[in-house]
Amino acid sequence: NSVRIPLNEDCWLGRDGLSPELTGPAYRA
């Protein structure tokens, strides 16, 4: 009845050095 989802702060916020296709808006979506 419940699920916990571990997240990554750099992927959520986006960060230089990480792929934009995998980070920021794409990750949040």
Full PDB file with SEQRES, HELIX, SHEET, SSBOND, CRYST1, ORIGX, SCALE, CONECT and MASTER records, all heavy atoms in Angstrom:
SEQRES   1 A   29  ASN SER VAL ARG ILE PRO LEU ASN GLU ASP CYS TRP LEU          
SEQRES   2 A   29  GLY ARG ASP GLY LEU SER PRO GLU LEU THR GLY PRO ALA          
SEQRES   3 A   29  TYR ARG ALA                                                  
HELIX    1 AA1 GLU A    9  LEU A   13  1                                   5    
HELIX    2 AA2 PRO A   25  ARG A   28  1                                   4    
CRYST1    1.000    1.000    1.000  90.00  90.00  90.00 P 1           1          
ORIGX1      1.000000  0.000000  0.000000        0.00000                         
ORIGX2      0.000000  1.000000  0.000000        0.00000                         
ORIGX3      0.000000  0.000000  1.000000        0.00000                         
SCALE1      1.000000  0.000000  0.000000        0.00000                         
SCALE2      0.000000  1.000000  0.000000        0.00000                         
SCALE3      0.000000  0.000000  1.000000        0.00000                         
ATOM      1  N   ASN A   1       0.811  -1.218   0.000  1.00  0.00           N  
ATOM      2  CA  ASN A   1       0.000   0.000   0.000  1.00  0.00           C  
ATOM      3  C   ASN A   1       0.845   1.268   0.000  1.00  0.00           C  
ATOM      4  O   ASN A   1       0.306   2.371   0.029  1.00  0.00           O  
ATOM      5  CB  ASN A   1      -0.983   0.022   1.185  1.00  0.00           C  
ATOM      6  CG  ASN A   1      -0.311   0.228   2.534  1.00  0.00           C  
ATOM      7  OD1 ASN A   1       0.885   0.507   2.631  1.00  0.00           O  
ATOM      8  ND2 ASN A   1      -1.081   0.074   3.595  1.00  0.00           N  
ATOM      9  N   SER A   2       2.185   1.113  -0.054  1.00  0.00           N  
ATOM     10  CA  SER A   2       3.048   2.293  -0.025  1.00  0.00           C  
ATOM     11  C   SER A   2       4.405   1.956  -0.621  1.00  0.00           C  
ATOM     12  O   SER A   2       4.888   0.824  -0.507  1.00  0.00           O  
ATOM     13  CB  SER A   2       3.207   2.805   1.408  1.00  0.00           C  
ATOM     14  OG  SER A   2       3.474   1.739   2.299  1.00  0.00           O  
ATOM     15  N   VAL A   3       5.026   2.950  -1.263  1.00  0.00           N  
ATOM     16  CA  VAL A   3       6.311   2.758  -1.946  1.00  0.00           C  
ATOM     17  C   VAL A   3       7.220   3.937  -1.637  1.00  0.00           C  
ATOM     18  O   VAL A   3       6.811   5.098  -1.745  1.00  0.00           O  
ATOM     19  CB  VAL A   3       6.119   2.636  -3.476  1.00  0.00           C  
ATOM     20  CG1 VAL A   3       7.471   2.493  -4.175  1.00  0.00           C  
ATOM     21  CG2 VAL A   3       5.223   1.452  -3.815  1.00  0.00           C  
ATOM     22  N   ARG A   4       8.446   3.632  -1.266  1.00  0.00           N  
ATOM     23  CA  ARG A   4       9.465   4.667  -1.027  1.00  0.00           C  
ATOM     24  C   ARG A   4      10.387   4.729  -2.243  1.00  0.00           C  
ATOM     25  O   ARG A   4      10.873   3.704  -2.724  1.00  0.00           O  
ATOM     26  CB  ARG A   4      10.250   4.340   0.239  1.00  0.00           C  
ATOM     27  CG  ARG A   4      11.373   5.320   0.597  1.00  0.00           C  
ATOM     28  CD  ARG A   4      11.931   4.931   1.956  1.00  0.00           C  
ATOM     29  NE  ARG A   4      13.034   5.765   2.413  1.00  0.00           N  
ATOM     30  CZ  ARG A   4      14.313   5.401   2.449  1.00  0.00           C  
ATOM     31  NH1 ARG A   4      14.661   4.195   1.983  1.00  0.00           N  
ATOM     32  NH2 ARG A   4      15.244   6.190   2.922  1.00  0.00           N  
ATOM     33  N   ILE A   5      10.661   5.959  -2.720  1.00  0.00           N  
ATOM     34  CA  ILE A   5      11.453   6.156  -3.928  1.00  0.00           C  
ATOM     35  C   ILE A   5      12.724   6.940  -3.584  1.00  0.00           C  
ATOM     36  O   ILE A   5      12.663   8.144  -3.312  1.00  0.00           O  
ATOM     37  CB  ILE A   5      10.650   6.934  -4.993  1.00  0.00           C  
ATOM     38  CG1 ILE A   5       9.326   6.233  -5.296  1.00  0.00           C  
ATOM     39  CG2 ILE A   5      11.484   7.090  -6.253  1.00  0.00           C  
ATOM     40  CD1 ILE A   5       8.434   7.028  -6.236  1.00  0.00           C  
ATOM     41  N   PRO A   6      13.896   6.296  -3.576  1.00  0.00           N  
ATOM     42  CA  PRO A   6      15.151   7.014  -3.349  1.00  0.00           C  
ATOM     43  C   PRO A   6      15.509   7.885  -4.553  1.00  0.00           C  
ATOM     44  O   PRO A   6      15.402   7.444  -5.702  1.00  0.00           O  
ATOM     45  CB  PRO A   6      16.177   5.881  -3.165  1.00  0.00           C  
ATOM     46  CG  PRO A   6      15.368   4.663  -2.846  1.00  0.00           C  
ATOM     47  CD  PRO A   6      14.083   4.839  -3.607  1.00  0.00           C  
ATOM     48  N   LEU A   7      15.953   9.111  -4.273  1.00  0.00           N  
ATOM     49  CA  LEU A   7      16.276  10.069  -5.330  1.00  0.00           C  
ATOM     50  C   LEU A   7      17.715  10.577  -5.201  1.00  0.00           C  
ATOM     51  O   LEU A   7      18.362  10.420  -4.167  1.00  0.00           O  
ATOM     52  CB  LEU A   7      15.310  11.259  -5.286  1.00  0.00           C  
ATOM     53  CG  LEU A   7      13.829  10.961  -5.480  1.00  0.00           C  
ATOM     54  CD1 LEU A   7      13.018  12.248  -5.389  1.00  0.00           C  
ATOM     55  CD2 LEU A   7      13.571  10.250  -6.793  1.00  0.00           C  
ATOM     56  N   ASN A   8      18.172  11.226  -6.268  1.00  0.00           N  
ATOM     57  CA  ASN A   8      19.503  11.812  -6.345  1.00  0.00           C  
ATOM     58  C   ASN A   8      19.358  13.328  -6.517  1.00  0.00           C  
ATOM     59  O   ASN A   8      18.689  13.789  -7.452  1.00  0.00           O  
ATOM     60  CB  ASN A   8      20.259  11.206  -7.535  1.00  0.00           C  
ATOM     61  CG  ASN A   8      21.675  11.708  -7.667  1.00  0.00           C  
ATOM     62  OD1 ASN A   8      21.929  12.894  -7.803  1.00  0.00           O  
ATOM     63  ND2 ASN A   8      22.625  10.773  -7.638  1.00  0.00           N  
ATOM     64  N   GLU A   9      19.996  14.102  -5.629  1.00  0.00           N  
ATOM     65  CA  GLU A   9      19.790  15.550  -5.672  1.00  0.00           C  
ATOM     66  C   GLU A   9      20.376  16.199  -6.923  1.00  0.00           C  
ATOM     67  O   GLU A   9      19.790  17.141  -7.481  1.00  0.00           O  
ATOM     68  CB  GLU A   9      20.343  16.222  -4.416  1.00  0.00           C  
ATOM     69  CG  GLU A   9      21.839  16.174  -4.255  1.00  0.00           C  
ATOM     70  CD  GLU A   9      22.325  16.877  -2.991  1.00  0.00           C  
ATOM     71  OE1 GLU A   9      21.485  17.261  -2.152  1.00  0.00           O  
ATOM     72  OE2 GLU A   9      23.560  17.031  -2.837  1.00  0.00           O  
ATOM     73  N   ASP A  10      21.513  15.732  -7.399  1.00  0.00           N  
ATOM     74  CA  ASP A  10      22.105  16.320  -8.600  1.00  0.00           C  
ATOM     75  C   ASP A  10      21.298  15.987  -9.848  1.00  0.00           C  
ATOM     76  O   ASP A  10      21.194  16.805 -10.771  1.00  0.00           O  
ATOM     77  CB  ASP A  10      23.546  15.839  -8.778  1.00  0.00           C  
ATOM     78  CG  ASP A  10      24.515  16.561  -7.851  1.00  0.00           C  
ATOM     79  OD1 ASP A  10      24.106  17.555  -7.226  1.00  0.00           O  
ATOM     80  OD2 ASP A  10      25.678  16.125  -7.757  1.00  0.00           O  
ATOM     81  N   CYS A  11      20.738  14.789  -9.880  1.00  0.00           N  
ATOM     82  CA  CYS A  11      19.902  14.423 -11.025  1.00  0.00           C  
ATOM     83  C   CYS A  11      18.621  15.245 -11.024  1.00  0.00           C  
ATOM     84  O   CYS A  11      18.149  15.688 -12.081  1.00  0.00           O  
ATOM     85  CB  CYS A  11      19.587  12.937 -10.995  1.00  0.00           C  
ATOM     86  SG  CYS A  11      21.042  11.879 -11.158  1.00  0.00           S  
ATOM     87  N   TRP A  12      18.038  15.448  -9.854  1.00  0.00           N  
ATOM     88  CA  TRP A  12      16.794  16.239  -9.758  1.00  0.00           C  
ATOM     89  C   TRP A  12      17.038  17.691 -10.143  1.00  0.00           C  
ATOM     90  O   TRP A  12      16.287  18.279 -10.932  1.00  0.00           O  
ATOM     91  CB  TRP A  12      16.232  16.146  -8.348  1.00  0.00           C  
ATOM     92  CG  TRP A  12      14.976  16.950  -8.149  1.00  0.00           C  
ATOM     93  CD1 TRP A  12      14.882  18.286  -7.845  1.00  0.00           C  
ATOM     94  CD2 TRP A  12      13.622  16.480  -8.262  1.00  0.00           C  
ATOM     95  NE1 TRP A  12      13.570  18.669  -7.751  1.00  0.00           N  
ATOM     96  CE2 TRP A  12      12.781  17.590  -8.008  1.00  0.00           C  
ATOM     97  CE3 TRP A  12      13.047  15.242  -8.541  1.00  0.00           C  
ATOM     98  CZ2 TRP A  12      11.380  17.478  -8.026  1.00  0.00           C  
ATOM     99  CZ3 TRP A  12      11.668  15.133  -8.559  1.00  0.00           C  
ATOM    100  CH2 TRP A  12      10.847  16.239  -8.313  1.00  0.00           C  
ATOM    101  N   LEU A  13      18.087  18.290  -9.602  1.00  0.00           N  
ATOM    102  CA  LEU A  13      18.345  19.711  -9.839  1.00  0.00           C  
ATOM    103  C   LEU A  13      19.027  19.972 -11.179  1.00  0.00           C  
ATOM    104  O   LEU A  13      18.897  21.060 -11.750  1.00  0.00           O  
ATOM    105  CB  LEU A  13      19.220  20.279  -8.720  1.00  0.00           C  
ATOM    106  CG  LEU A  13      18.597  20.344  -7.327  1.00  0.00           C  
ATOM    107  CD1 LEU A  13      19.655  20.720  -6.289  1.00  0.00           C  
ATOM    108  CD2 LEU A  13      17.440  21.335  -7.290  1.00  0.00           C  
ATOM    109  N   GLY A  14      19.748  18.962 -11.694  1.00  0.00           N  
ATOM    110  CA  GLY A  14      20.583  19.175 -12.872  1.00  0.00           C  
ATOM    111  C   GLY A  14      21.925  19.732 -12.439  1.00  0.00           C  
ATOM    112  O   GLY A  14      22.014  20.523 -11.493  1.00  0.00           O  
ATOM    113  N   ARG A  15      22.979  19.297 -13.143  1.00  0.00           N  
ATOM    114  CA  ARG A  15      24.314  19.751 -12.744  1.00  0.00           C  
ATOM    115  C   ARG A  15      25.267  19.605 -13.901  1.00  0.00           C  
ATOM    116  O   ARG A  15      25.199  18.644 -14.675  1.00  0.00           O  
ATOM    117  CB  ARG A  15      24.802  18.937 -11.547  1.00  0.00           C  
ATOM    118  CG  ARG A  15      26.162  19.365 -11.021  1.00  0.00           C  
ATOM    119  CD  ARG A  15      26.412  18.841  -9.643  1.00  0.00           C  
ATOM    120  NE  ARG A  15      27.699  19.301  -9.138  1.00  0.00           N  
ATOM    121  CZ  ARG A  15      28.046  19.258  -7.869  1.00  0.00           C  
ATOM    122  NH1 ARG A  15      27.199  18.773  -6.962  1.00  0.00           N  
ATOM    123  NH2 ARG A  15      29.223  19.680  -7.469  1.00  0.00           N  
ATOM    124  N   ASP A  16      26.181  20.574 -14.027  1.00  0.00           N  
ATOM    125  CA  ASP A  16      27.219  20.485 -15.056  1.00  0.00           C  
ATOM    126  C   ASP A  16      27.998  19.190 -14.874  1.00  0.00           C  
ATOM    127  O   ASP A  16      28.331  18.792 -13.755  1.00  0.00           O  
ATOM    128  CB  ASP A  16      28.172  21.674 -14.951  1.00  0.00           C  
ATOM    129  CG  ASP A  16      27.515  22.992 -15.341  1.00  0.00           C  
ATOM    130  OD1 ASP A  16      26.446  22.937 -15.986  1.00  0.00           O  
ATOM    131  OD2 ASP A  16      28.055  24.056 -14.985  1.00  0.00           O  
ATOM    132  N   GLY A  17      28.281  18.551 -15.986  1.00  0.00           N  
ATOM    133  CA  GLY A  17      29.015  17.300 -15.941  1.00  0.00           C  
ATOM    134  C   GLY A  17      28.122  16.084 -16.057  1.00  0.00           C  
ATOM    135  O   GLY A  17      28.615  14.977 -16.274  1.00  0.00           O  
ATOM    136  N   LEU A  18      26.812  16.280 -15.911  1.00  0.00           N  
ATOM    137  CA  LEU A  18      25.861  15.187 -16.076  1.00  0.00           C  
ATOM    138  C   LEU A  18      25.073  15.399 -17.366  1.00  0.00           C  
ATOM    139  O   LEU A  18      24.863  16.533 -17.799  1.00  0.00           O  
ATOM    140  CB  LEU A  18      24.899  15.112 -14.891  1.00  0.00           C  
ATOM    141  CG  LEU A  18      25.524  14.782 -13.539  1.00  0.00           C  
ATOM    142  CD1 LEU A  18      24.446  14.794 -12.452  1.00  0.00           C  
ATOM    143  CD2 LEU A  18      26.237  13.438 -13.571  1.00  0.00           C  
ATOM    144  N   SER A  19      24.622  14.326 -17.946  1.00  0.00           N  
ATOM    145  CA  SER A  19      23.887  14.406 -19.211  1.00  0.00           C  
ATOM    146  C   SER A  19      22.570  15.158 -19.035  1.00  0.00           C  
ATOM    147  O   SER A  19      21.759  14.794 -18.170  1.00  0.00           O  
ATOM    148  CB  SER A  19      23.602  13.003 -19.730  1.00  0.00           C  
ATOM    149  OG  SER A  19      22.687  13.050 -20.799  1.00  0.00           O  
ATOM    150  N   PRO A  20      22.320  16.188 -19.828  1.00  0.00           N  
ATOM    151  CA  PRO A  20      21.048  16.915 -19.716  1.00  0.00           C  
ATOM    152  C   PRO A  20      19.850  16.058 -20.082  1.00  0.00           C  
ATOM    153  O   PRO A  20      18.726  16.349 -19.668  1.00  0.00           O  
ATOM    154  CB  PRO A  20      21.221  18.092 -20.681  1.00  0.00           C  
ATOM    155  CG  PRO A  20      22.293  17.672 -21.632  1.00  0.00           C  
ATOM    156  CD  PRO A  20      23.216  16.790 -20.840  1.00  0.00           C  
ATOM    157  N   GLU A  21      20.068  14.987 -20.851  1.00  0.00           N  
ATOM    158  CA  GLU A  21      18.961  14.099 -21.205  1.00  0.00           C  
ATOM    159  C   GLU A  21      18.509  13.248 -20.022  1.00  0.00           C  
ATOM    160  O   GLU A  21      17.417  12.680 -20.037  1.00  0.00           O  
ATOM    161  CB  GLU A  21      19.360  13.159 -22.360  1.00  0.00           C  
ATOM    162  CG  GLU A  21      19.495  13.832 -23.710  1.00  0.00           C  
ATOM    163  CD  GLU A  21      20.813  14.574 -23.841  1.00  0.00           C  
ATOM    164  OE1 GLU A  21      21.752  14.272 -23.054  1.00  0.00           O  
ATOM    165  OE2 GLU A  21      20.916  15.463 -24.714  1.00  0.00           O  
ATOM    166  N   LEU A  22      19.346  13.178 -18.979  1.00  0.00           N  
ATOM    167  CA  LEU A  22      19.048  12.328 -17.828  1.00  0.00           C  
ATOM    168  C   LEU A  22      18.794  13.125 -16.556  1.00  0.00           C  
ATOM    169  O   LEU A  22      18.469  12.540 -15.521  1.00  0.00           O  
ATOM    170  CB  LEU A  22      20.220  11.361 -17.571  1.00  0.00           C  
ATOM    171  CG  LEU A  22      20.686  10.499 -18.740  1.00  0.00           C  
ATOM    172  CD1 LEU A  22      21.884   9.664 -18.320  1.00  0.00           C  
ATOM    173  CD2 LEU A  22      19.551   9.617 -19.246  1.00  0.00           C  
ATOM    174  N   THR A  23      18.963  14.434 -16.633  1.00  0.00           N  
ATOM    175  CA  THR A  23      18.912  15.254 -15.429  1.00  0.00           C  
ATOM    176  C   THR A  23      17.862  16.354 -15.554  1.00  0.00           C  
ATOM    177  O   THR A  23      17.241  16.539 -16.603  1.00  0.00           O  
ATOM    178  CB  THR A  23      20.282  15.906 -15.173  1.00  0.00           C  
ATOM    179  OG1 THR A  23      20.585  16.809 -16.254  1.00  0.00           O  
ATOM    180  CG2 THR A  23      21.363  14.873 -15.042  1.00  0.00           C  
ATOM    181  N   GLY A  24      17.722  17.116 -14.487  1.00  0.00           N  
ATOM    182  CA  GLY A  24      16.854  18.283 -14.498  1.00  0.00           C  
ATOM    183  C   GLY A  24      15.434  17.945 -14.907  1.00  0.00           C  
ATOM    184  O   GLY A  24      14.820  17.029 -14.342  1.00  0.00           O  
ATOM    185  N   PRO A  25      14.879  18.648 -15.895  1.00  0.00           N  
ATOM    186  CA  PRO A  25      13.484  18.423 -16.286  1.00  0.00           C  
ATOM    187  C   PRO A  25      13.173  16.985 -16.671  1.00  0.00           C  
ATOM    188  O   PRO A  25      12.096  16.469 -16.342  1.00  0.00           O  
ATOM    189  CB  PRO A  25      13.310  19.364 -17.482  1.00  0.00           C  
ATOM    190  CG  PRO A  25      14.302  20.460 -17.255  1.00  0.00           C  
ATOM    191  CD  PRO A  25      15.487  19.790 -16.624  1.00  0.00           C  
ATOM    192  N   ALA A  26      14.097  16.314 -17.361  1.00  0.00           N  
ATOM    193  CA  ALA A  26      13.843  14.930 -17.777  1.00  0.00           C  
ATOM    194  C   ALA A  26      13.739  14.004 -16.570  1.00  0.00           C  
ATOM    195  O   ALA A  26      12.849  13.145 -16.491  1.00  0.00           O  
ATOM    196  CB  ALA A  26      14.954  14.453 -18.718  1.00  0.00           C  
ATOM    197  N   TYR A  27      14.634  14.157 -15.625  1.00  0.00           N  
ATOM    198  CA  TYR A  27      14.623  13.334 -14.408  1.00  0.00           C  
ATOM    199  C   TYR A  27      13.372  13.633 -13.584  1.00  0.00           C  
ATOM    200  O   TYR A  27      12.676  12.709 -13.132  1.00  0.00           O  
ATOM    201  CB  TYR A  27      15.887  13.623 -13.602  1.00  0.00           C  
ATOM    202  CG  TYR A  27      16.070  12.773 -12.358  1.00  0.00           C  
ATOM    203  CD1 TYR A  27      16.686  11.531 -12.435  1.00  0.00           C  
ATOM    204  CD2 TYR A  27      15.660  13.229 -11.116  1.00  0.00           C  
ATOM    205  CE1 TYR A  27      16.888  10.749 -11.289  1.00  0.00           C  
ATOM    206  CE2 TYR A  27      15.852  12.469  -9.967  1.00  0.00           C  
ATOM    207  CZ  TYR A  27      16.470  11.229 -10.063  1.00  0.00           C  
ATOM    208  OH  TYR A  27      16.660  10.466  -8.926  1.00  0.00           O  
ATOM    209  N   ARG A  28      13.079  14.912 -13.395  1.00  0.00           N  
ATOM    210  CA  ARG A  28      11.905  15.284 -12.598  1.00  0.00           C  
ATOM    211  C   ARG A  28      10.623  14.753 -13.230  1.00  0.00           C  
ATOM    212  O   ARG A  28       9.725  14.268 -12.532  1.00  0.00           O  
ATOM    213  CB  ARG A  28      11.838  16.806 -12.431  1.00  0.00           C  
ATOM    214  CG  ARG A  28      12.994  17.381 -11.620  1.00  0.00           C  
ATOM    215  CD  ARG A  28      12.752  18.806 -11.187  1.00  0.00           C  
ATOM    216  NE  ARG A  28      12.694  19.743 -12.299  1.00  0.00           N  
ATOM    217  CZ  ARG A  28      13.740  20.388 -12.786  1.00  0.00           C  
ATOM    218  NH1 ARG A  28      14.964  20.173 -12.295  1.00  0.00           N  
ATOM    219  NH2 ARG A  28      13.606  21.258 -13.779  1.00  0.00           N  
ATOM    220  N   ALA A  29      10.535  14.843 -14.545  1.00  0.00           N  
ATOM    221  CA  ALA A  29       9.328  14.347 -15.227  1.00  0.00           C  
ATOM    222  C   ALA A  29       9.168  12.849 -15.029  1.00  0.00           C  
ATOM    223  O   ALA A  29       8.052  12.352 -14.831  1.00  0.00           O  
ATOM    224  CB  ALA A  29       9.400  14.678 -16.718  1.00  0.00           C  
TER     225      ALA A  29                                                      
MASTER        0    0    0    2    0    0    0    6  224    1    0    3          
END                                                                             
